[in-house]
Amino acid sequence: MASVKNLKKDIHYVLGDIIQAIYIHEMTTNGVTESTNALLEEALNSFDELIDEVNAKNIENKKAHFKGVYTKLETVAGQLVEKINAL
């Protein structure tokens, strides 16, 4: 992991692309549904949680903490993409 700045950028880009995919799905199908709203809410909550974890203070082992955050980002993104594909 190069830096905290790059980790934050990765979080922004990955979850931003997922949110964009949800909006594209809404535009190309029946419009806004409860399932897409729930998916958007989940993506935004995940974004907030990940940014809060990156900004956490008083961490003993920063390298391990940030690797854990990156792993969590990969897991959350994978789950969200699977849910989008299921729509």
PDB file of N, CA and C in Angstrom:
ATOM      1  N   MET A   1       0.860  -1.157   0.000  1.00  0.00           N
ATOM      2  CA  MET A   1       0.000   0.000   0.000  1.00  0.00           C
ATOM      3  C   MET A   1       0.913   1.229   0.000  1.00  0.00           C
ATOM      4  N   ALA A   2       0.752   2.066  -0.978  1.00  0.00           N
ATOM      5  CA  ALA A   2       1.634   3.210  -1.131  1.00  0.00           C
ATOM      6  C   ALA A   2       1.332   4.304  -0.116  1.00  0.00           C
ATOM      7  N   SER A   3       0.076   4.646   0.049  1.00  0.00           N
ATOM      8  CA  SER A   3      -0.247   5.714   0.984  1.00  0.00           C
ATOM      9  C   SER A   3      -1.725   5.700   1.334  1.00  0.00           C
ATOM     10  N   VAL A   4      -2.038   6.439   2.376  1.00  0.00           N
ATOM     11  CA  VAL A   4      -3.431   6.589   2.802  1.00  0.00           C
ATOM     12  C   VAL A   4      -4.208   7.335   1.722  1.00  0.00           C
ATOM     13  N   LYS A   5      -3.547   8.287   1.096  1.00  0.00           N
ATOM     14  CA  LYS A   5      -4.185   9.068   0.037  1.00  0.00           C
ATOM     15  C   LYS A   5      -4.647   8.159  -1.105  1.00  0.00           C
ATOM     16  N   ASN A   6      -3.796   7.218  -1.506  1.00  0.00           N
ATOM     17  CA  ASN A   6      -4.169   6.302  -2.584  1.00  0.00           C
ATOM     18  C   ASN A   6      -5.275   5.349  -2.158  1.00  0.00           C
ATOM     19  N   LEU A   7      -5.283   4.940  -0.885  1.00  0.00           N
ATOM     20  CA  LEU A   7      -6.352   4.080  -0.384  1.00  0.00           C
ATOM     21  C   LEU A   7      -7.687   4.818  -0.434  1.00  0.00           C
ATOM     22  N   LYS A   8      -7.684   6.080  -0.031  1.00  0.00           N
ATOM     23  CA  LYS A   8      -8.910   6.878  -0.096  1.00  0.00           C
ATOM     24  C   LYS A   8      -9.376   7.042  -1.541  1.00  0.00           C
ATOM     25  N   LYS A   9      -8.429   7.251  -2.467  1.00  0.00           N
ATOM     26  CA  LYS A   9      -8.789   7.365  -3.880  1.00  0.00           C
ATOM     27  C   LYS A   9      -9.404   6.067  -4.382  1.00  0.00           C
ATOM     28  N   ASP A  10      -8.821   4.937  -3.983  1.00  0.00           N
ATOM     29  CA  ASP A  10      -9.368   3.641  -4.395  1.00  0.00           C
ATOM     30  C   ASP A  10     -10.797   3.467  -3.896  1.00  0.00           C
ATOM     31  N   ILE A  11     -11.041   3.854  -2.651  1.00  0.00           N
ATOM     32  CA  ILE A  11     -12.391   3.752  -2.088  1.00  0.00           C
ATOM     33  C   ILE A  11     -13.353   4.619  -2.895  1.00  0.00           C
ATOM     34  N   HIS A  12     -12.941   5.850  -3.189  1.00  0.00           N
ATOM     35  CA  HIS A  12     -13.786   6.769  -3.964  1.00  0.00           C
ATOM     36  C   HIS A  12     -14.084   6.206  -5.349  1.00  0.00           C
ATOM     37  N   TYR A  13     -13.043   5.743  -6.042  1.00  0.00           N
ATOM     38  CA  TYR A  13     -13.227   5.272  -7.410  1.00  0.00           C
ATOM     39  C   TYR A  13     -14.073   4.007  -7.472  1.00  0.00           C
ATOM     40  N   VAL A  14     -13.762   3.030  -6.623  1.00  0.00           N
ATOM     41  CA  VAL A  14     -14.464   1.746  -6.682  1.00  0.00           C
ATOM     42  C   VAL A  14     -15.937   1.919  -6.336  1.00  0.00           C
ATOM     43  N   LEU A  15     -16.212   2.543  -5.209  1.00  0.00           N
ATOM     44  CA  LEU A  15     -17.611   2.697  -4.808  1.00  0.00           C
ATOM     45  C   LEU A  15     -18.339   3.704  -5.698  1.00  0.00           C
ATOM     46  N   GLY A  16     -17.616   4.684  -6.222  1.00  0.00           N
ATOM     47  CA  GLY A  16     -18.222   5.620  -7.171  1.00  0.00           C
ATOM     48  C   GLY A  16     -18.658   4.922  -8.446  1.00  0.00           C
ATOM     49  N   ASP A  17     -17.825   4.008  -8.937  1.00  0.00           N
ATOM     50  CA  ASP A  17     -18.194   3.244 -10.132  1.00  0.00           C
ATOM     51  C   ASP A  17     -19.388   2.338  -9.867  1.00  0.00           C
ATOM     52  N   ILE A  18     -19.449   1.765  -8.672  1.00  0.00           N
ATOM     53  CA  ILE A  18     -20.580   0.905  -8.320  1.00  0.00           C
ATOM     54  C   ILE A  18     -21.869   1.723  -8.264  1.00  0.00           C
ATOM     55  N   ILE A  19     -21.803   2.903  -7.659  1.00  0.00           N
ATOM     56  CA  ILE A  19     -22.979   3.775  -7.588  1.00  0.00           C
ATOM     57  C   ILE A  19     -23.404   4.201  -8.993  1.00  0.00           C
ATOM     58  N   GLN A  20     -22.430   4.491  -9.838  1.00  0.00           N
ATOM     59  CA  GLN A  20     -22.743   4.856 -11.221  1.00  0.00           C
ATOM     60  C   GLN A  20     -23.423   3.694 -11.946  1.00  0.00           C
ATOM     61  N   ALA A  21     -22.979   2.478 -11.708  1.00  0.00           N
ATOM     62  CA  ALA A  21     -23.600   1.305 -12.337  1.00  0.00           C
ATOM     63  C   ALA A  21     -25.051   1.152 -11.890  1.00  0.00           C
ATOM     64  N   ILE A  22     -25.321   1.462 -10.631  1.00  0.00           N
ATOM     65  CA  ILE A  22     -26.701   1.391 -10.134  1.00  0.00           C
ATOM     66  C   ILE A  22     -27.565   2.430 -10.842  1.00  0.00           C
ATOM     67  N   TYR A  23     -27.044   3.643 -10.988  1.00  0.00           N
ATOM     68  CA  TYR A  23     -27.800   4.692 -11.679  1.00  0.00           C
ATOM     69  C   TYR A  23     -28.037   4.330 -13.147  1.00  0.00           C
ATOM     70  N   ILE A  24     -27.042   3.756 -13.793  1.00  0.00           N
ATOM     71  CA  ILE A  24     -27.207   3.344 -15.189  1.00  0.00           C
ATOM     72  C   ILE A  24     -28.285   2.272 -15.293  1.00  0.00           C
ATOM     73  N   HIS A  25     -28.286   1.349 -14.343  1.00  0.00           N
ATOM     74  CA  HIS A  25     -29.325   0.315 -14.336  1.00  0.00           C
ATOM     75  C   HIS A  25     -30.710   0.948 -14.185  1.00  0.00           C
ATOM     76  N   GLU A  26     -30.819   1.944 -13.314  1.00  0.00           N
ATOM     77  CA  GLU A  26     -32.104   2.624 -13.129  1.00  0.00           C
ATOM     78  C   GLU A  26     -32.549   3.321 -14.409  1.00  0.00           C
ATOM     79  N   MET A  27     -31.599   3.943 -15.123  1.00  0.00           N
ATOM     80  CA  MET A  27     -31.951   4.677 -16.337  1.00  0.00           C
ATOM     81  C   MET A  27     -32.341   3.754 -17.482  1.00  0.00           C
ATOM     82  N   THR A  28     -31.763   2.571 -17.522  1.00  0.00           N
ATOM     83  CA  THR A  28     -32.020   1.686 -18.655  1.00  0.00           C
ATOM     84  C   THR A  28     -33.154   0.695 -18.410  1.00  0.00           C
ATOM     85  N   THR A  29     -33.682   0.672 -17.193  1.00  0.00           N
ATOM     86  CA  THR A  29     -34.785  -0.246 -16.903  1.00  0.00           C
ATOM     87  C   THR A  29     -35.998   0.547 -16.443  1.00  0.00           C
ATOM     88  N   ASN A  30     -36.715   0.019 -15.500  1.00  0.00           N
ATOM     89  CA  ASN A  30     -37.982   0.603 -15.057  1.00  0.00           C
ATOM     90  C   ASN A  30     -37.841   1.852 -14.201  1.00  0.00           C
ATOM     91  N   GLY A  31     -36.660   2.298 -13.951  1.00  0.00           N
ATOM     92  CA  GLY A  31     -36.462   3.472 -13.111  1.00  0.00           C
ATOM     93  C   GLY A  31     -36.105   3.071 -11.695  1.00  0.00           C
ATOM     94  N   VAL A  32     -36.359   3.973 -10.772  1.00  0.00           N
ATOM     95  CA  VAL A  32     -35.992   3.765  -9.377  1.00  0.00           C
ATOM     96  C   VAL A  32     -36.916   2.718  -8.759  1.00  0.00           C
ATOM     97  N   THR A  33     -36.314   1.736  -8.108  1.00  0.00           N
ATOM     98  CA  THR A  33     -37.083   0.718  -7.399  1.00  0.00           C
ATOM     99  C   THR A  33     -36.574   0.632  -5.965  1.00  0.00           C
ATOM    100  N   GLU A  34     -37.284  -0.101  -5.143  1.00  0.00           N
ATOM    101  CA  GLU A  34     -36.847  -0.262  -3.758  1.00  0.00           C
ATOM    102  C   GLU A  34     -35.517  -0.995  -3.683  1.00  0.00           C
ATOM    103  N   SER A  35     -35.307  -1.952  -4.583  1.00  0.00           N
ATOM    104  CA  SER A  35     -34.055  -2.713  -4.547  1.00  0.00           C
ATOM    105  C   SER A  35     -32.858  -1.840  -4.927  1.00  0.00           C
ATOM    106  N   THR A  36     -33.028  -0.945  -5.911  1.00  0.00           N
ATOM    107  CA  THR A  36     -31.909  -0.073  -6.271  1.00  0.00           C
ATOM    108  C   THR A  36     -31.663   0.966  -5.184  1.00  0.00           C
ATOM    109  N   ASN A  37     -32.729   1.450  -4.560  1.00  0.00           N
ATOM    110  CA  ASN A  37     -32.545   2.382  -3.445  1.00  0.00           C
ATOM    111  C   ASN A  37     -31.808   1.718  -2.291  1.00  0.00           C
ATOM    112  N   ALA A  38     -32.160   0.477  -1.988  1.00  0.00           N
ATOM    113  CA  ALA A  38     -31.485  -0.251  -0.912  1.00  0.00           C
ATOM    114  C   ALA A  38     -30.020  -0.484  -1.255  1.00  0.00           C
ATOM    115  N   LEU A  39     -29.745  -0.775  -2.519  1.00  0.00           N
ATOM    116  CA  LEU A  39     -28.373  -0.991  -2.958  1.00  0.00           C
ATOM    117  C   LEU A  39     -27.558   0.299  -2.874  1.00  0.00           C
ATOM    118  N   LEU A  40     -28.161   1.414  -3.274  1.00  0.00           N
ATOM    119  CA  LEU A  40     -27.483   2.710  -3.155  1.00  0.00           C
ATOM    120  C   LEU A  40     -27.188   3.034  -1.698  1.00  0.00           C
ATOM    121  N   GLU A  41     -28.160   2.790  -0.839  1.00  0.00           N
ATOM    122  CA  GLU A  41     -27.985   3.053   0.590  1.00  0.00           C
ATOM    123  C   GLU A  41     -26.851   2.197   1.157  1.00  0.00           C
ATOM    124  N   GLU A  42     -26.803   0.940   0.748  1.00  0.00           N
ATOM    125  CA  GLU A  42     -25.747   0.044   1.215  1.00  0.00           C
ATOM    126  C   GLU A  42     -24.375   0.508   0.728  1.00  0.00           C
ATOM    127  N   ALA A  43     -24.292   0.950  -0.523  1.00  0.00           N
ATOM    128  CA  ALA A  43     -23.026   1.427  -1.076  1.00  0.00           C
ATOM    129  C   ALA A  43     -22.557   2.683  -0.343  1.00  0.00           C
ATOM    130  N   LEU A  44     -23.469   3.592  -0.080  1.00  0.00           N
ATOM    131  CA  LEU A  44     -23.100   4.830   0.617  1.00  0.00           C
ATOM    132  C   LEU A  44     -22.701   4.563   2.064  1.00  0.00           C
ATOM    133  N   ASN A  45     -23.399   3.649   2.728  1.00  0.00           N
ATOM    134  CA  ASN A  45     -23.025   3.292   4.098  1.00  0.00           C
ATOM    135  C   ASN A  45     -21.659   2.616   4.134  1.00  0.00           C
ATOM    136  N   SER A  46     -21.388   1.763   3.155  1.00  0.00           N
ATOM    137  CA  SER A  46     -20.082   1.105   3.075  1.00  0.00           C
ATOM    138  C   SER A  46     -18.983   2.139   2.864  1.00  0.00           C
ATOM    139  N   PHE A  47     -19.253   3.113   2.005  1.00  0.00           N
ATOM    140  CA  PHE A  47     -18.287   4.182   1.761  1.00  0.00           C
ATOM    141  C   PHE A  47     -17.967   4.919   3.061  1.00  0.00           C
ATOM    142  N   ASP A  48     -19.010   5.302   3.789  1.00  0.00           N
ATOM    143  CA  ASP A  48     -18.811   6.024   5.045  1.00  0.00           C
ATOM    144  C   ASP A  48     -18.021   5.193   6.054  1.00  0.00           C
ATOM    145  N   GLU A  49     -18.341   3.907   6.163  1.00  0.00           N
ATOM    146  CA  GLU A  49     -17.641   3.035   7.107  1.00  0.00           C
ATOM    147  C   GLU A  49     -16.162   2.906   6.747  1.00  0.00           C
ATOM    148  N   LEU A  50     -15.876   2.720   5.460  1.00  0.00           N
ATOM    149  CA  LEU A  50     -14.484   2.556   5.042  1.00  0.00           C
ATOM    150  C   LEU A  50     -13.677   3.835   5.260  1.00  0.00           C
ATOM    151  N   ILE A  51     -14.257   4.976   4.945  1.00  0.00           N
ATOM    152  CA  ILE A  51     -13.548   6.242   5.162  1.00  0.00           C
ATOM    153  C   ILE A  51     -13.318   6.470   6.655  1.00  0.00           C
ATOM    154  N   ASP A  52     -14.299   6.132   7.492  1.00  0.00           N
ATOM    155  CA  ASP A  52     -14.122   6.254   8.940  1.00  0.00           C
ATOM    156  C   ASP A  52     -12.992   5.356   9.428  1.00  0.00           C
ATOM    157  N   GLU A  53     -12.891   4.147   8.876  1.00  0.00           N
ATOM    158  CA  GLU A  53     -11.814   3.244   9.275  1.00  0.00           C
ATOM    159  C   GLU A  53     -10.454   3.780   8.841  1.00  0.00           C
ATOM    160  N   VAL A  54     -10.382   4.376   7.661  1.00  0.00           N
ATOM    161  CA  VAL A  54      -9.118   4.943   7.194  1.00  0.00           C
ATOM    162  C   VAL A  54      -8.709   6.112   8.082  1.00  0.00           C
ATOM    163  N   ASN A  55      -9.669   6.917   8.514  1.00  0.00           N
ATOM    164  CA  ASN A  55      -9.377   8.100   9.317  1.00  0.00           C
ATOM    165  C   ASN A  55      -9.251   7.811  10.806  1.00  0.00           C
ATOM    166  N   ALA A  56      -9.338   6.562  11.219  1.00  0.00           N
ATOM    167  CA  ALA A  56      -9.260   6.205  12.640  1.00  0.00           C
ATOM    168  C   ALA A  56      -7.897   6.594  13.213  1.00  0.00           C
ATOM    169  N   LYS A  57      -7.920   7.060  14.437  1.00  0.00           N
ATOM    170  CA  LYS A  57      -6.693   7.470  15.126  1.00  0.00           C
ATOM    171  C   LYS A  57      -6.290   6.399  16.137  1.00  0.00           C
ATOM    172  N   ASN A  58      -5.108   6.533  16.683  1.00  0.00           N
ATOM    173  CA  ASN A  58      -4.576   5.645  17.726  1.00  0.00           C
ATOM    174  C   ASN A  58      -4.567   4.182  17.292  1.00  0.00           C
ATOM    175  N   ILE A  59      -4.019   3.930  16.133  1.00  0.00           N
ATOM    176  CA  ILE A  59      -3.892   2.569  15.624  1.00  0.00           C
ATOM    177  C   ILE A  59      -2.469   2.109  15.897  1.00  0.00           C
ATOM    178  N   GLU A  60      -2.342   0.912  16.471  1.00  0.00           N
ATOM    179  CA  GLU A  60      -1.015   0.416  16.820  1.00  0.00           C
ATOM    180  C   GLU A  60      -0.224  -0.003  15.581  1.00  0.00           C
ATOM    181  N   ASN A  61      -0.799  -0.857  14.763  1.00  0.00           N
ATOM    182  CA  ASN A  61      -0.106  -1.354  13.576  1.00  0.00           C
ATOM    183  C   ASN A  61      -0.817  -0.816  12.337  1.00  0.00           C
ATOM    184  N   LYS A  62      -0.334   0.311  11.842  1.00  0.00           N
ATOM    185  CA  LYS A  62      -1.010   0.980  10.730  1.00  0.00           C
ATOM    186  C   LYS A  62      -0.993   0.152   9.452  1.00  0.00           C
ATOM    187  N   LYS A  63       0.129  -0.499   9.188  1.00  0.00           N
ATOM    188  CA  LYS A  63       0.237  -1.274   7.954  1.00  0.00           C
ATOM    189  C   LYS A  63      -0.809  -2.391   7.916  1.00  0.00           C
ATOM    190  N   ALA A  64      -0.949  -3.119   9.000  1.00  0.00           N
ATOM    191  CA  ALA A  64      -1.938  -4.200   9.064  1.00  0.00           C
ATOM    192  C   ALA A  64      -3.360  -3.644   9.004  1.00  0.00           C
ATOM    193  N   HIS A  65      -3.579  -2.510   9.654  1.00  0.00           N
ATOM    194  CA  HIS A  65      -4.911  -1.891   9.651  1.00  0.00           C
ATOM    195  C   HIS A  65      -5.328  -1.501   8.236  1.00  0.00           C
ATOM    196  N   PHE A  66      -4.430  -0.843   7.503  1.00  0.00           N
ATOM    197  CA  PHE A  66      -4.769  -0.392   6.160  1.00  0.00           C
ATOM    198  C   PHE A  66      -4.913  -1.563   5.190  1.00  0.00           C
ATOM    199  N   LYS A  67      -4.136  -2.626   5.390  1.00  0.00           N
ATOM    200  CA  LYS A  67      -4.325  -3.823   4.568  1.00  0.00           C
ATOM    201  C   LYS A  67      -5.697  -4.425   4.833  1.00  0.00           C
ATOM    202  N   GLY A  68      -6.122  -4.396   6.090  1.00  0.00           N
ATOM    203  CA  GLY A  68      -7.451  -4.890   6.434  1.00  0.00           C
ATOM    204  C   GLY A  68      -8.550  -4.059   5.804  1.00  0.00           C
ATOM    205  N   VAL A  69      -8.368  -2.748   5.778  1.00  0.00           N
ATOM    206  CA  VAL A  69      -9.353  -1.860   5.151  1.00  0.00           C
ATOM    207  C   VAL A  69      -9.419  -2.141   3.651  1.00  0.00           C
ATOM    208  N   TYR A  70      -8.255  -2.346   3.024  1.00  0.00           N
ATOM    209  CA  TYR A  70      -8.231  -2.635   1.591  1.00  0.00           C
ATOM    210  C   TYR A  70      -8.915  -3.966   1.288  1.00  0.00           C
ATOM    211  N   THR A  71      -8.680  -4.951   2.143  1.00  0.00           N
ATOM    212  CA  THR A  71      -9.336  -6.250   1.980  1.00  0.00           C
ATOM    213  C   THR A  71     -10.844  -6.115   2.143  1.00  0.00           C
ATOM    214  N   LYS A  72     -11.264  -5.307   3.115  1.00  0.00           N
ATOM    215  CA  LYS A  72     -12.698  -5.085   3.325  1.00  0.00           C
ATOM    216  C   LYS A  72     -13.308  -4.382   2.114  1.00  0.00           C
ATOM    217  N   LEU A  73     -12.579  -3.442   1.523  1.00  0.00           N
ATOM    218  CA  LEU A  73     -13.054  -2.761   0.313  1.00  0.00           C
ATOM    219  C   LEU A  73     -13.286  -3.771  -0.804  1.00  0.00           C
ATOM    220  N   GLU A  74     -12.333  -4.678  -1.003  1.00  0.00           N
ATOM    221  CA  GLU A  74     -12.479  -5.688  -2.050  1.00  0.00           C
ATOM    222  C   GLU A  74     -13.693  -6.575  -1.796  1.00  0.00           C
ATOM    223  N   THR A  75     -13.899  -6.959  -0.541  1.00  0.00           N
ATOM    224  CA  THR A  75     -15.024  -7.824  -0.187  1.00  0.00           C
ATOM    225  C   THR A  75     -16.353  -7.115  -0.415  1.00  0.00           C
ATOM    226  N   VAL A  76     -16.457  -5.893   0.090  1.00  0.00           N
ATOM    227  CA  VAL A  76     -17.700  -5.122  -0.045  1.00  0.00           C
ATOM    228  C   VAL A  76     -18.003  -4.855  -1.515  1.00  0.00           C
ATOM    229  N   ALA A  77     -16.982  -4.485  -2.279  1.00  0.00           N
ATOM    230  CA  ALA A  77     -17.189  -4.204  -3.700  1.00  0.00           C
ATOM    231  C   ALA A  77     -17.663  -5.455  -4.434  1.00  0.00           C
ATOM    232  N   GLY A  78     -17.077  -6.587  -4.126  1.00  0.00           N
ATOM    233  CA  GLY A  78     -17.496  -7.836  -4.757  1.00  0.00           C
ATOM    234  C   GLY A  78     -18.941  -8.177  -4.454  1.00  0.00           C
ATOM    235  N   GLN A  79     -19.338  -7.978  -3.205  1.00  0.00           N
ATOM    236  CA  GLN A  79     -20.720  -8.261  -2.815  1.00  0.00           C
ATOM    237  C   GLN A  79     -21.695  -7.325  -3.520  1.00  0.00           C
ATOM    238  N   LEU A  80     -21.343  -6.053  -3.604  1.00  0.00           N
ATOM    239  CA  LEU A  80     -22.225  -5.089  -4.263  1.00  0.00           C
ATOM    240  C   LEU A  80     -22.352  -5.383  -5.757  1.00  0.00           C
ATOM    241  N   VAL A  81     -21.250  -5.762  -6.391  1.00  0.00           N
ATOM    242  CA  VAL A  81     -21.293  -6.080  -7.821  1.00  0.00           C
ATOM    243  C   VAL A  81     -22.173  -7.303  -8.061  1.00  0.00           C
ATOM    244  N   GLU A  82     -22.076  -8.299  -7.191  1.00  0.00           N
ATOM    245  CA  GLU A  82     -22.941  -9.476  -7.321  1.00  0.00           C
ATOM    246  C   GLU A  82     -24.414  -9.094  -7.203  1.00  0.00           C
ATOM    247  N   LYS A  83     -24.723  -8.183  -6.288  1.00  0.00           N
ATOM    248  CA  LYS A  83     -26.111  -7.749  -6.116  1.00  0.00           C
ATOM    249  C   LYS A  83     -26.595  -6.956  -7.323  1.00  0.00           C
ATOM    250  N   ILE A  84     -25.710  -6.146  -7.905  1.00  0.00           N
ATOM    251  CA  ILE A  84     -26.085  -5.385  -9.105  1.00  0.00           C
ATOM    252  C   ILE A  84     -26.353  -6.346 -10.258  1.00  0.00           C
ATOM    253  N   ASN A  85     -25.506  -7.344 -10.403  1.00  0.00           N
ATOM    254  CA  ASN A  85     -25.693  -8.315 -11.485  1.00  0.00           C
ATOM    255  C   ASN A  85     -26.974  -9.117 -11.314  1.00  0.00           C
ATOM    256  N   ALA A  86     -27.434  -9.260 -10.076  1.00  0.00           N
ATOM    257  CA  ALA A  86     -28.659 -10.017  -9.818  1.00  0.00           C
ATOM    258  C   ALA A  86     -29.922  -9.204 -10.114  1.00  0.00           C
ATOM    259  N   LEU A  87     -29.778  -7.892 -10.292  1.00  0.00           N
ATOM    260  CA  LEU A  87     -30.965  -7.055 -10.544  1.00  0.00           C
ATOM    261  C   LEU A  87     -31.623  -7.389 -11.846  1.00  0.00           C
TER     262      LEU A  87
END
